């Protein structure tokens, strides 16, 4: 039976549309993982889904409200809906308490870091991390020794890049597992939590496949 991965929805035109990009569905399908999407719901429903799903996916999207890490709003920060942020933070806590794997992608790495007490750079003074097209590659990423990313993805590889925010202070208990050529944090990990700053779902390549293998192996751990 396929593993079930819970994924909170994102907001687009918040008064009308919640969504998830189809690339995530396609990527996980390759690994025989089924994505179940969730909008804000009662705690009873969330508890049922957490109990019956095998892992949590946090996708890319709008910015984390800086109030969560005690900073004022930067002019270029575009906040996600409050209800969706509260949903994410609740699910992170619930999956972590059950020691179930969590994968964060782009905004997902930022949400995870903030959820555990870290902070963010609200606007990078660099165009290296904001490419116009999501497909293709932007810069080199180097993994850190003894990290899971290093074990599965290798020492160096090219990634895409589509973000204007990044991790600043890393949450306690996490290790930095990858950095870009200008020293921006590209990966963190802790226990069964893996998070990356780039978009693996956009490029169908070996790095995507190896990251899926890593996440799948975490799902298989007892």
N, C-alpha and C. Protein backbone atom coordinates (compact mmCIF):
# COMPACT_ATOMS: atom_id res chain seq x y z
N UNK A 1 0.85 -1.20 0.00
CA UNK A 1 0.00 0.00 0.00
C UNK A 1 0.88 1.25 0.00
N UNK A 2 0.51 2.22 -0.84
CA UNK A 2 1.28 3.46 -0.92
C UNK A 2 1.25 4.23 0.40
N UNK A 3 2.37 4.86 0.72
CA UNK A 3 2.43 5.74 1.87
C UNK A 3 1.61 7.00 1.58
N UNK A 4 1.01 7.55 2.63
CA UNK A 4 0.16 8.73 2.50
C UNK A 4 0.87 9.94 3.11
N UNK A 5 0.99 11.00 2.31
CA UNK A 5 1.68 12.21 2.73
C UNK A 5 0.68 13.36 2.81
N UNK A 6 0.58 13.99 3.95
CA UNK A 6 -0.35 15.10 4.15
C UNK A 6 0.33 16.41 3.74
N UNK A 7 -0.38 17.26 3.00
CA UNK A 7 0.18 18.52 2.51
C UNK A 7 -0.83 19.64 2.70
N UNK A 8 -0.54 20.62 3.56
CA UNK A 8 -1.42 21.79 3.69
C UNK A 8 -1.47 22.56 2.38
N UNK A 9 -2.65 23.08 2.05
CA UNK A 9 -2.82 23.87 0.83
C UNK A 9 -2.22 25.26 0.99
N UNK A 10 -1.99 25.92 -0.14
CA UNK A 10 -1.50 27.30 -0.18
C UNK A 10 -2.63 28.21 -0.66
N UNK A 11 -2.44 29.53 -0.47
CA UNK A 11 -3.46 30.48 -0.90
C UNK A 11 -3.02 31.21 -2.15
N UNK A 12 -3.94 31.36 -3.07
CA UNK A 12 -3.74 32.17 -4.27
C UNK A 12 -5.05 32.92 -4.46
N UNK A 13 -4.97 34.26 -4.49
CA UNK A 13 -6.20 35.04 -4.44
C UNK A 13 -7.01 34.52 -3.25
N UNK A 14 -6.52 34.80 -2.02
CA UNK A 14 -6.97 34.12 -0.80
C UNK A 14 -8.47 34.03 -0.58
N UNK A 15 -9.21 34.96 -1.12
CA UNK A 15 -10.65 34.93 -0.91
C UNK A 15 -11.36 33.88 -1.77
N UNK A 16 -10.60 33.28 -2.73
CA UNK A 16 -11.28 32.37 -3.66
C UNK A 16 -10.58 31.03 -3.86
N UNK A 17 -9.24 30.99 -3.81
CA UNK A 17 -8.54 29.79 -4.27
C UNK A 17 -7.50 29.31 -3.26
N UNK A 18 -7.55 28.01 -2.92
CA UNK A 18 -6.47 27.29 -2.27
C UNK A 18 -5.92 26.32 -3.31
N UNK A 19 -4.61 25.99 -3.22
CA UNK A 19 -4.03 25.18 -4.29
C UNK A 19 -2.82 24.39 -3.81
N UNK A 20 -2.39 23.43 -4.65
CA UNK A 20 -1.08 22.82 -4.58
C UNK A 20 -0.63 22.61 -6.03
N UNK A 21 0.62 22.90 -6.34
CA UNK A 21 1.11 22.74 -7.70
C UNK A 21 1.16 21.26 -8.08
N UNK A 22 0.79 20.98 -9.33
CA UNK A 22 0.72 19.58 -9.77
C UNK A 22 2.08 18.91 -9.80
N UNK A 23 3.18 19.70 -9.87
CA UNK A 23 4.51 19.11 -9.87
C UNK A 23 4.78 18.30 -8.61
N UNK A 24 4.23 18.74 -7.48
CA UNK A 24 4.41 17.97 -6.24
C UNK A 24 3.72 16.61 -6.35
N UNK A 25 2.52 16.61 -6.90
CA UNK A 25 1.78 15.35 -7.08
C UNK A 25 2.57 14.41 -7.98
N UNK A 26 3.06 14.92 -9.09
CA UNK A 26 3.81 14.10 -10.04
C UNK A 26 5.09 13.56 -9.41
N UNK A 27 5.81 14.41 -8.68
CA UNK A 27 7.06 13.98 -8.07
C UNK A 27 6.84 12.85 -7.07
N UNK A 28 5.83 13.00 -6.24
CA UNK A 28 5.58 11.99 -5.21
C UNK A 28 5.00 10.72 -5.80
N UNK A 29 4.26 10.86 -6.87
CA UNK A 29 3.71 9.67 -7.52
C UNK A 29 4.81 8.75 -8.02
N UNK A 30 5.92 9.35 -8.49
CA UNK A 30 7.06 8.55 -8.96
C UNK A 30 7.59 7.65 -7.85
N UNK A 31 7.47 8.09 -6.62
CA UNK A 31 7.98 7.33 -5.48
C UNK A 31 6.87 6.51 -4.82
N UNK A 32 5.73 6.37 -5.51
CA UNK A 32 4.58 5.63 -4.96
C UNK A 32 4.10 6.22 -3.64
N UNK A 33 4.10 7.54 -3.58
CA UNK A 33 3.60 8.25 -2.41
C UNK A 33 2.36 9.04 -2.81
N UNK A 34 1.29 8.91 -2.04
CA UNK A 34 0.03 9.60 -2.32
C UNK A 34 -0.07 10.87 -1.48
N UNK A 35 -0.30 12.01 -2.13
CA UNK A 35 -0.47 13.27 -1.42
C UNK A 35 -1.94 13.48 -1.09
N UNK A 36 -2.20 13.77 0.17
CA UNK A 36 -3.53 14.15 0.63
C UNK A 36 -3.46 15.61 1.06
N UNK A 37 -4.23 16.48 0.43
CA UNK A 37 -4.19 17.90 0.76
C UNK A 37 -5.20 18.22 1.86
N UNK A 38 -4.87 19.27 2.62
CA UNK A 38 -5.72 19.64 3.75
C UNK A 38 -5.80 21.16 3.86
N UNK A 39 -7.01 21.66 4.04
CA UNK A 39 -7.27 23.06 4.36
C UNK A 39 -7.51 23.15 5.86
N UNK A 40 -7.63 24.36 6.42
CA UNK A 40 -7.93 24.47 7.84
C UNK A 40 -9.13 23.62 8.23
N UNK A 41 -9.00 22.87 9.34
CA UNK A 41 -10.03 21.93 9.76
C UNK A 41 -10.03 21.82 11.27
N UNK A 42 -10.99 21.10 11.81
CA UNK A 42 -11.08 20.92 13.25
C UNK A 42 -9.91 20.09 13.76
N UNK A 43 -9.60 20.21 15.04
CA UNK A 43 -8.51 19.43 15.62
C UNK A 43 -8.78 17.94 15.53
N UNK A 44 -10.04 17.55 15.65
CA UNK A 44 -10.40 16.14 15.55
C UNK A 44 -10.03 15.59 14.18
N UNK A 45 -10.35 16.36 13.13
CA UNK A 45 -10.00 15.94 11.77
C UNK A 45 -8.49 15.89 11.59
N UNK A 46 -7.78 16.92 12.08
CA UNK A 46 -6.33 16.93 11.97
C UNK A 46 -5.72 15.73 12.67
N UNK A 47 -6.23 15.42 13.87
CA UNK A 47 -5.68 14.28 14.61
C UNK A 47 -5.90 12.98 13.85
N UNK A 48 -7.06 12.83 13.25
CA UNK A 48 -7.35 11.63 12.44
C UNK A 48 -6.36 11.51 11.29
N UNK A 49 -6.13 12.63 10.58
CA UNK A 49 -5.23 12.61 9.43
C UNK A 49 -3.79 12.35 9.84
N UNK A 50 -3.35 12.98 10.92
CA UNK A 50 -1.98 12.74 11.39
C UNK A 50 -1.80 11.29 11.80
N UNK A 51 -2.79 10.72 12.48
CA UNK A 51 -2.72 9.32 12.91
C UNK A 51 -2.65 8.37 11.72
N UNK A 52 -3.26 8.76 10.60
CA UNK A 52 -3.40 7.84 9.48
C UNK A 52 -2.53 8.18 8.27
N UNK A 53 -1.75 9.25 8.38
CA UNK A 53 -0.80 9.58 7.32
C UNK A 53 0.62 9.27 7.80
N UNK A 54 1.50 9.04 6.83
CA UNK A 54 2.85 8.58 7.15
C UNK A 54 3.88 9.71 7.22
N UNK A 55 3.58 10.85 6.59
CA UNK A 55 4.52 11.95 6.59
C UNK A 55 3.84 13.26 6.24
N UNK A 56 4.58 14.35 6.38
CA UNK A 56 4.07 15.70 6.14
C UNK A 56 4.94 16.39 5.09
N UNK A 57 4.30 17.04 4.12
CA UNK A 57 4.98 17.84 3.10
C UNK A 57 4.59 19.30 3.27
N UNK A 58 5.59 20.17 3.36
CA UNK A 58 5.36 21.61 3.41
C UNK A 58 5.96 22.21 2.14
N UNK A 59 5.11 22.79 1.31
CA UNK A 59 5.53 23.23 -0.03
C UNK A 59 5.95 24.70 -0.05
N UNK A 60 6.33 25.16 -1.24
CA UNK A 60 6.64 26.56 -1.43
C UNK A 60 5.39 27.42 -1.35
N UNK A 61 5.57 28.73 -1.23
CA UNK A 61 4.42 29.63 -1.13
C UNK A 61 4.82 31.02 -0.69
N UNK A 62 3.87 31.75 -0.14
CA UNK A 62 4.12 33.10 0.34
C UNK A 62 4.96 33.08 1.62
N UNK A 63 5.24 34.27 2.15
CA UNK A 63 6.19 34.40 3.26
C UNK A 63 5.56 34.10 4.62
N UNK A 64 6.42 33.64 5.54
CA UNK A 64 6.01 33.44 6.93
C UNK A 64 5.86 34.81 7.60
N UNK A 65 4.80 34.98 8.36
CA UNK A 65 4.59 36.23 9.09
C UNK A 65 5.74 36.43 10.08
N UNK A 66 6.50 37.54 9.98
CA UNK A 66 7.64 37.74 10.88
C UNK A 66 7.25 37.91 12.35
N UNK A 67 5.97 38.12 12.62
CA UNK A 67 5.54 38.19 14.01
C UNK A 67 5.85 36.89 14.76
N UNK A 68 5.89 35.77 14.02
CA UNK A 68 6.20 34.49 14.65
C UNK A 68 7.62 34.44 15.18
N UNK A 69 8.52 35.24 14.59
CA UNK A 69 9.89 35.28 15.13
C UNK A 69 10.25 36.68 15.63
N UNK A 70 9.20 37.41 16.04
CA UNK A 70 9.34 38.66 16.80
C UNK A 70 10.08 39.75 16.03
N UNK A 71 9.74 39.89 14.75
CA UNK A 71 10.27 40.98 13.95
C UNK A 71 9.12 41.73 13.29
N UNK A 72 9.37 42.99 12.92
CA UNK A 72 8.36 43.77 12.21
C UNK A 72 8.34 43.39 10.74
N UNK A 73 7.27 43.76 10.06
CA UNK A 73 7.06 43.37 8.67
C UNK A 73 7.93 44.18 7.73
N UNK A 74 8.73 43.49 6.91
CA UNK A 74 9.53 44.14 5.87
C UNK A 74 8.61 44.52 4.71
N UNK A 75 8.89 45.63 4.02
CA UNK A 75 8.02 46.06 2.91
C UNK A 75 7.86 45.01 1.81
N UNK A 76 8.84 44.13 1.63
CA UNK A 76 8.77 43.13 0.57
C UNK A 76 8.23 41.78 1.04
N UNK A 77 7.89 41.69 2.31
CA UNK A 77 7.33 40.45 2.83
C UNK A 77 5.85 40.36 2.48
N UNK A 78 5.46 39.25 1.86
CA UNK A 78 4.06 39.02 1.49
C UNK A 78 3.55 37.82 2.27
N UNK A 79 2.72 38.08 3.26
CA UNK A 79 2.33 37.06 4.22
C UNK A 79 1.33 36.05 3.64
N UNK A 80 1.50 34.82 4.10
CA UNK A 80 0.51 33.77 3.85
C UNK A 80 -0.71 34.03 4.73
N UNK A 81 -1.84 33.42 4.39
CA UNK A 81 -3.04 33.54 5.22
C UNK A 81 -2.77 33.02 6.63
N UNK A 82 -3.29 33.73 7.61
CA UNK A 82 -3.10 33.35 9.01
C UNK A 82 -3.59 31.93 9.27
N UNK A 83 -4.76 31.57 8.71
CA UNK A 83 -5.34 30.24 8.96
C UNK A 83 -4.44 29.13 8.43
N UNK A 84 -3.79 29.36 7.30
CA UNK A 84 -2.91 28.34 6.73
C UNK A 84 -1.60 28.23 7.51
N UNK A 85 -1.10 29.36 8.00
CA UNK A 85 0.10 29.30 8.82
C UNK A 85 -0.17 28.57 10.13
N UNK A 86 -1.28 28.87 10.76
CA UNK A 86 -1.63 28.17 12.00
C UNK A 86 -1.78 26.67 11.76
N UNK A 87 -2.36 26.31 10.63
CA UNK A 87 -2.50 24.91 10.27
C UNK A 87 -1.13 24.25 10.15
N UNK A 88 -0.21 24.90 9.47
CA UNK A 88 1.13 24.34 9.28
C UNK A 88 1.85 24.13 10.61
N UNK A 89 1.84 25.16 11.45
CA UNK A 89 2.55 25.05 12.72
C UNK A 89 1.94 23.95 13.60
N UNK A 90 0.62 23.81 13.54
CA UNK A 90 -0.04 22.74 14.29
C UNK A 90 0.37 21.37 13.77
N UNK A 91 0.38 21.21 12.46
CA UNK A 91 0.74 19.91 11.87
C UNK A 91 2.21 19.57 12.11
N UNK A 92 3.08 20.55 12.03
CA UNK A 92 4.50 20.29 12.33
C UNK A 92 4.64 19.73 13.73
N UNK A 93 3.99 20.35 14.69
CA UNK A 93 4.05 19.89 16.07
C UNK A 93 3.49 18.48 16.21
N UNK A 94 2.37 18.21 15.57
CA UNK A 94 1.72 16.91 15.71
C UNK A 94 2.54 15.79 15.06
N UNK A 95 3.07 16.04 13.87
CA UNK A 95 3.89 15.02 13.21
C UNK A 95 5.20 14.80 13.97
N UNK A 96 5.79 15.87 14.48
CA UNK A 96 7.02 15.76 15.24
C UNK A 96 6.80 14.95 16.52
N UNK A 97 5.68 15.19 17.19
CA UNK A 97 5.37 14.44 18.41
C UNK A 97 5.21 12.95 18.15
N UNK A 98 4.75 12.60 16.95
CA UNK A 98 4.60 11.20 16.59
C UNK A 98 5.84 10.64 15.89
N UNK A 99 6.89 11.44 15.81
CA UNK A 99 8.15 11.03 15.18
C UNK A 99 7.93 10.54 13.75
N UNK A 100 7.08 11.26 13.02
CA UNK A 100 6.82 10.94 11.63
C UNK A 100 7.58 11.92 10.73
N UNK A 101 8.07 11.47 9.59
CA UNK A 101 8.90 12.31 8.72
C UNK A 101 8.20 13.57 8.21
N UNK A 102 8.99 14.64 8.09
CA UNK A 102 8.53 15.91 7.55
C UNK A 102 9.51 16.36 6.48
N UNK A 103 8.99 16.75 5.32
CA UNK A 103 9.82 17.29 4.25
C UNK A 103 9.38 18.71 3.96
N UNK A 104 10.30 19.65 4.04
CA UNK A 104 10.02 21.05 3.73
C UNK A 104 10.71 21.47 2.45
N UNK A 105 10.00 22.18 1.59
CA UNK A 105 10.53 22.66 0.32
C UNK A 105 10.33 24.17 0.21
N UNK A 106 11.41 24.90 -0.06
CA UNK A 106 11.41 26.36 -0.22
C UNK A 106 10.79 27.05 0.99
N UNK A 107 9.60 27.60 0.87
CA UNK A 107 8.97 28.19 2.07
C UNK A 107 8.90 27.17 3.19
N UNK A 108 8.79 25.88 2.84
CA UNK A 108 8.71 24.83 3.85
C UNK A 108 9.88 24.81 4.80
N UNK A 109 11.10 25.03 4.29
CA UNK A 109 12.27 25.06 5.17
C UNK A 109 12.19 26.25 6.12
N UNK A 110 11.63 27.35 5.61
CA UNK A 110 11.50 28.56 6.43
C UNK A 110 10.46 28.36 7.53
N UNK A 111 9.34 27.74 7.17
CA UNK A 111 8.28 27.47 8.16
C UNK A 111 8.79 26.56 9.26
N UNK A 112 9.48 25.50 8.87
CA UNK A 112 10.04 24.57 9.86
C UNK A 112 11.00 25.28 10.79
N UNK A 113 11.89 26.08 10.23
CA UNK A 113 12.87 26.79 11.06
C UNK A 113 12.18 27.70 12.07
N UNK A 114 11.18 28.44 11.61
CA UNK A 114 10.46 29.35 12.52
C UNK A 114 9.66 28.57 13.56
N UNK A 115 9.06 27.44 13.15
CA UNK A 115 8.25 26.64 14.07
C UNK A 115 9.06 26.15 15.26
N UNK A 116 10.36 25.95 15.06
CA UNK A 116 11.22 25.45 16.13
C UNK A 116 12.08 26.54 16.77
N UNK A 117 11.76 27.81 16.47
CA UNK A 117 12.41 28.91 17.17
C UNK A 117 13.49 29.65 16.39
N UNK A 118 13.64 29.35 15.10
CA UNK A 118 14.62 30.05 14.28
C UNK A 118 14.06 31.33 13.69
N UNK A 119 14.90 32.06 12.96
CA UNK A 119 14.50 33.32 12.36
C UNK A 119 14.85 33.32 10.87
N UNK A 120 14.36 34.35 10.16
CA UNK A 120 14.56 34.45 8.72
C UNK A 120 15.16 35.80 8.33
N UNK A 121 15.87 35.80 7.21
CA UNK A 121 16.22 37.03 6.51
C UNK A 121 15.01 37.38 5.65
N UNK A 122 14.41 38.52 5.87
CA UNK A 122 13.14 38.81 5.19
C UNK A 122 13.30 39.21 3.73
N UNK A 123 14.46 39.71 3.34
CA UNK A 123 14.67 40.00 1.92
C UNK A 123 16.16 39.95 1.62
N UNK A 124 16.54 39.03 0.73
CA UNK A 124 17.94 38.87 0.37
C UNK A 124 18.39 39.99 -0.55
N UNK A 125 19.54 40.55 -0.27
CA UNK A 125 20.12 41.58 -1.13
C UNK A 125 20.95 40.89 -2.22
N UNK A 126 20.27 40.08 -3.03
CA UNK A 126 20.96 39.30 -4.06
C UNK A 126 19.95 38.82 -5.09
N UNK A 127 20.34 38.85 -6.35
CA UNK A 127 19.47 38.30 -7.38
C UNK A 127 19.87 36.88 -7.75
N UNK A 128 20.87 36.33 -7.05
CA UNK A 128 21.33 34.97 -7.33
C UNK A 128 20.24 33.94 -7.04
N UNK A 129 19.33 34.31 -6.13
CA UNK A 129 18.36 33.32 -5.64
C UNK A 129 16.97 33.50 -6.23
N UNK A 130 16.84 34.37 -7.23
CA UNK A 130 15.53 34.61 -7.84
C UNK A 130 15.63 34.51 -9.35
N UNK A 131 15.47 33.28 -9.87
CA UNK A 131 15.51 33.11 -11.32
C UNK A 131 14.13 33.34 -11.90
N UNK A 132 14.08 33.68 -13.19
CA UNK A 132 12.81 34.01 -13.81
C UNK A 132 11.97 32.77 -14.12
N UNK A 133 12.63 31.71 -14.58
CA UNK A 133 11.94 30.47 -14.90
C UNK A 133 12.25 29.44 -13.83
N UNK A 134 11.22 28.69 -13.41
CA UNK A 134 11.41 27.73 -12.32
C UNK A 134 12.24 26.53 -12.76
N UNK A 135 12.11 26.09 -14.02
CA UNK A 135 12.91 24.99 -14.49
C UNK A 135 14.34 25.46 -14.76
N UNK A 136 15.27 24.51 -14.80
CA UNK A 136 16.66 24.86 -15.04
C UNK A 136 17.41 25.07 -13.73
N UNK A 137 18.64 25.55 -13.83
CA UNK A 137 19.51 25.64 -12.67
C UNK A 137 20.04 27.05 -12.49
N UNK A 138 20.28 27.41 -11.23
CA UNK A 138 20.69 28.77 -10.91
C UNK A 138 22.07 28.84 -10.27
N UNK A 139 22.33 27.98 -9.29
CA UNK A 139 23.61 28.08 -8.59
C UNK A 139 24.01 26.72 -7.99
N UNK A 140 25.25 26.68 -7.53
CA UNK A 140 25.82 25.48 -6.94
C UNK A 140 25.44 25.38 -5.46
N UNK A 141 25.13 24.17 -5.01
CA UNK A 141 24.88 23.89 -3.60
C UNK A 141 25.91 22.87 -3.13
N UNK A 142 26.48 23.12 -1.96
CA UNK A 142 27.45 22.20 -1.36
C UNK A 142 26.86 21.65 -0.07
N UNK A 143 26.88 20.34 0.07
CA UNK A 143 26.35 19.71 1.28
C UNK A 143 27.41 19.68 2.38
N UNK A 144 26.96 19.53 3.61
CA UNK A 144 27.85 19.48 4.76
C UNK A 144 28.15 18.03 5.13
N UNK A 145 29.37 17.80 5.56
CA UNK A 145 29.80 16.44 5.89
C UNK A 145 28.92 15.84 6.98
N UNK A 146 28.70 14.54 6.87
CA UNK A 146 27.96 13.75 7.86
C UNK A 146 26.47 14.07 7.91
N UNK A 147 25.97 14.82 6.92
CA UNK A 147 24.54 15.09 6.84
C UNK A 147 23.86 14.05 5.97
N UNK A 148 22.54 13.90 6.14
CA UNK A 148 21.79 13.00 5.28
C UNK A 148 21.79 13.49 3.83
N UNK A 149 21.74 14.80 3.65
CA UNK A 149 21.78 15.33 2.28
C UNK A 149 23.09 14.96 1.60
N UNK A 150 24.19 15.01 2.33
CA UNK A 150 25.47 14.62 1.77
C UNK A 150 25.48 13.14 1.41
N UNK A 151 24.93 12.33 2.28
CA UNK A 151 24.91 10.88 2.06
C UNK A 151 24.10 10.51 0.82
N UNK A 152 22.97 11.16 0.64
CA UNK A 152 22.05 10.79 -0.44
C UNK A 152 22.27 11.59 -1.73
N UNK A 153 22.63 12.88 -1.59
CA UNK A 153 22.68 13.77 -2.76
C UNK A 153 24.10 14.02 -3.26
N UNK A 154 25.09 13.67 -2.46
CA UNK A 154 26.47 13.92 -2.87
C UNK A 154 27.00 15.24 -2.33
N UNK A 155 28.25 15.55 -2.71
CA UNK A 155 28.94 16.71 -2.15
C UNK A 155 28.49 18.04 -2.75
N UNK A 156 28.28 18.06 -4.08
CA UNK A 156 27.94 19.30 -4.77
C UNK A 156 26.97 19.01 -5.91
N UNK A 157 26.08 19.96 -6.18
CA UNK A 157 25.15 19.82 -7.28
C UNK A 157 24.53 21.18 -7.59
N UNK A 158 23.96 21.30 -8.76
CA UNK A 158 23.29 22.54 -9.17
C UNK A 158 21.81 22.46 -8.81
N UNK A 159 21.24 23.61 -8.43
CA UNK A 159 19.81 23.67 -8.14
C UNK A 159 19.19 24.90 -8.80
N UNK A 160 17.87 24.87 -8.88
CA UNK A 160 17.14 26.10 -9.20
C UNK A 160 17.05 26.96 -7.95
N UNK A 161 16.52 28.14 -8.07
CA UNK A 161 16.41 29.02 -6.90
C UNK A 161 15.33 30.06 -7.17
N UNK A 162 14.35 30.12 -6.27
CA UNK A 162 13.22 31.03 -6.46
C UNK A 162 12.71 31.47 -5.10
N UNK A 163 13.50 32.32 -4.43
CA UNK A 163 13.09 32.78 -3.09
C UNK A 163 13.79 34.10 -2.78
N UNK A 164 13.09 34.98 -2.08
CA UNK A 164 13.71 36.24 -1.67
C UNK A 164 13.96 36.27 -0.17
N UNK A 165 13.53 35.22 0.54
CA UNK A 165 13.83 35.08 1.96
C UNK A 165 14.69 33.84 2.18
N UNK A 166 15.32 33.78 3.36
CA UNK A 166 16.20 32.65 3.65
C UNK A 166 16.34 32.51 5.16
N UNK A 167 16.93 31.40 5.59
CA UNK A 167 17.14 31.18 7.01
C UNK A 167 18.23 32.12 7.53
N UNK A 168 18.02 32.62 8.74
CA UNK A 168 19.00 33.45 9.44
C UNK A 168 19.53 32.63 10.62
N UNK A 169 18.95 32.79 11.79
CA UNK A 169 19.32 31.95 12.94
C UNK A 169 18.64 30.59 12.78
N UNK A 170 19.42 29.53 12.82
CA UNK A 170 18.87 28.19 12.67
C UNK A 170 18.33 27.71 14.02
N UNK A 171 17.17 27.09 13.99
CA UNK A 171 16.52 26.63 15.21
C UNK A 171 17.40 25.63 15.96
N UNK A 172 17.32 25.66 17.29
CA UNK A 172 18.09 24.75 18.12
C UNK A 172 17.79 23.30 17.77
N UNK A 173 18.83 22.49 17.75
CA UNK A 173 18.67 21.07 17.49
C UNK A 173 18.82 20.68 16.04
N UNK A 174 18.76 21.66 15.13
CA UNK A 174 18.92 21.38 13.71
C UNK A 174 20.39 21.55 13.30
N UNK A 175 20.80 20.79 12.31
CA UNK A 175 22.10 21.01 11.71
C UNK A 175 21.91 21.58 10.32
N UNK A 176 22.85 22.42 9.90
CA UNK A 176 22.86 22.90 8.52
C UNK A 176 23.42 21.79 7.65
N UNK A 177 22.69 21.41 6.62
CA UNK A 177 23.12 20.28 5.79
C UNK A 177 23.54 20.70 4.38
N UNK A 178 23.30 21.96 4.01
CA UNK A 178 23.72 22.43 2.68
C UNK A 178 23.73 23.95 2.65
N UNK A 179 24.63 24.50 1.81
CA UNK A 179 24.72 25.94 1.61
C UNK A 179 24.96 26.24 0.14
N UNK A 180 24.57 27.46 -0.27
CA UNK A 180 24.84 27.91 -1.64
C UNK A 180 26.22 28.55 -1.71
N UNK A 181 26.63 28.92 -2.91
CA UNK A 181 27.97 29.47 -3.08
C UNK A 181 28.16 30.82 -2.38
N UNK A 182 27.06 31.51 -2.05
CA UNK A 182 27.17 32.77 -1.31
C UNK A 182 26.77 32.59 0.15
N UNK A 183 26.85 31.34 0.61
CA UNK A 183 26.70 31.01 2.04
C UNK A 183 25.26 31.11 2.56
N UNK A 184 24.28 31.09 1.67
CA UNK A 184 22.88 31.02 2.10
C UNK A 184 22.56 29.57 2.44
N UNK A 185 21.84 29.37 3.52
CA UNK A 185 21.49 28.03 3.97
C UNK A 185 20.49 27.40 3.00
N UNK A 186 20.83 26.23 2.48
CA UNK A 186 20.00 25.54 1.48
C UNK A 186 19.40 24.24 2.02
N UNK A 187 19.80 23.82 3.21
CA UNK A 187 19.24 22.59 3.76
C UNK A 187 19.47 22.52 5.26
N UNK A 188 18.48 22.00 5.98
CA UNK A 188 18.62 21.71 7.41
C UNK A 188 17.99 20.35 7.68
N UNK A 189 18.37 19.75 8.80
CA UNK A 189 17.79 18.46 9.16
C UNK A 189 17.87 18.24 10.67
N UNK A 190 16.95 17.42 11.13
CA UNK A 190 16.89 17.04 12.55
C UNK A 190 16.00 15.82 12.66
N UNK A 191 16.50 14.75 13.27
CA UNK A 191 15.72 13.53 13.43
C UNK A 191 15.14 13.11 12.07
N UNK A 192 13.81 13.10 11.94
CA UNK A 192 13.18 12.71 10.68
C UNK A 192 12.66 13.92 9.89
N UNK A 193 13.24 15.09 10.16
CA UNK A 193 12.86 16.31 9.44
C UNK A 193 13.96 16.68 8.45
N UNK A 194 13.59 16.79 7.18
CA UNK A 194 14.51 17.20 6.12
C UNK A 194 13.89 18.40 5.41
N UNK A 195 14.68 19.44 5.20
CA UNK A 195 14.13 20.62 4.52
C UNK A 195 15.17 21.22 3.60
N UNK A 196 14.73 21.65 2.41
CA UNK A 196 15.62 22.24 1.41
C UNK A 196 15.03 23.55 0.90
N UNK A 197 15.92 24.45 0.45
CA UNK A 197 15.48 25.77 0.01
C UNK A 197 15.09 25.81 -1.46
N UNK A 198 15.60 24.88 -2.26
CA UNK A 198 15.28 24.89 -3.69
C UNK A 198 14.00 24.12 -3.97
N UNK A 199 13.63 24.02 -5.26
CA UNK A 199 12.39 23.36 -5.66
C UNK A 199 12.70 22.07 -6.42
N UNK A 200 12.86 20.94 -5.75
CA UNK A 200 13.16 19.69 -6.45
C UNK A 200 12.04 19.22 -7.36
N UNK A 201 10.81 19.65 -7.08
CA UNK A 201 9.68 19.21 -7.90
C UNK A 201 9.73 19.80 -9.31
N UNK A 202 10.50 20.88 -9.49
CA UNK A 202 10.52 21.57 -10.78
C UNK A 202 11.48 20.94 -11.79
N UNK A 203 12.52 20.28 -11.31
CA UNK A 203 13.51 19.66 -12.20
C UNK A 203 13.50 18.15 -12.00
N UNK A 204 13.12 17.44 -13.03
CA UNK A 204 13.11 15.97 -12.97
C UNK A 204 14.53 15.47 -13.20
N UNK A 205 15.31 15.37 -12.14
CA UNK A 205 16.71 15.01 -12.26
C UNK A 205 17.14 14.06 -11.14
N UNK A 206 18.42 13.74 -11.10
CA UNK A 206 18.93 12.80 -10.10
C UNK A 206 18.77 13.35 -8.68
N UNK A 207 18.89 14.66 -8.52
CA UNK A 207 18.76 15.24 -7.18
C UNK A 207 17.33 15.05 -6.67
N UNK A 208 16.35 15.25 -7.53
CA UNK A 208 14.96 15.00 -7.14
C UNK A 208 14.79 13.54 -6.72
N UNK A 209 15.31 12.63 -7.53
CA UNK A 209 15.15 11.20 -7.25
C UNK A 209 15.84 10.80 -5.95
N UNK A 210 17.03 11.35 -5.72
CA UNK A 210 17.77 11.01 -4.50
C UNK A 210 17.10 11.58 -3.26
N UNK A 211 16.53 12.79 -3.38
CA UNK A 211 15.81 13.37 -2.25
C UNK A 211 14.57 12.55 -1.92
N UNK A 212 13.86 12.09 -2.95
CA UNK A 212 12.71 11.21 -2.74
C UNK A 212 13.13 9.90 -2.08
N UNK A 213 14.30 9.37 -2.49
CA UNK A 213 14.81 8.14 -1.87
C UNK A 213 15.07 8.37 -0.38
N UNK A 214 15.66 9.50 -0.05
CA UNK A 214 15.91 9.85 1.34
C UNK A 214 14.61 9.92 2.14
N UNK A 215 13.62 10.63 1.59
CA UNK A 215 12.35 10.79 2.29
C UNK A 215 11.66 9.43 2.43
N UNK A 216 11.71 8.63 1.38
CA UNK A 216 11.10 7.30 1.42
C UNK A 216 11.76 6.42 2.47
N UNK A 217 13.08 6.50 2.59
CA UNK A 217 13.78 5.72 3.60
C UNK A 217 13.37 6.14 5.01
N UNK A 218 13.18 7.44 5.21
CA UNK A 218 12.71 7.91 6.50
C UNK A 218 11.31 7.39 6.81
N UNK A 219 10.48 7.32 5.78
CA UNK A 219 9.12 6.81 5.95
C UNK A 219 9.13 5.33 6.33
N UNK A 220 10.14 4.60 5.89
CA UNK A 220 10.21 3.17 6.15
C UNK A 220 10.79 2.86 7.53
N UNK A 221 11.47 3.85 8.13
CA UNK A 221 12.05 3.62 9.46
C UNK A 221 10.96 3.43 10.50
N UNK A 222 11.21 2.53 11.42
CA UNK A 222 10.26 2.29 12.51
C UNK A 222 10.69 3.03 13.78
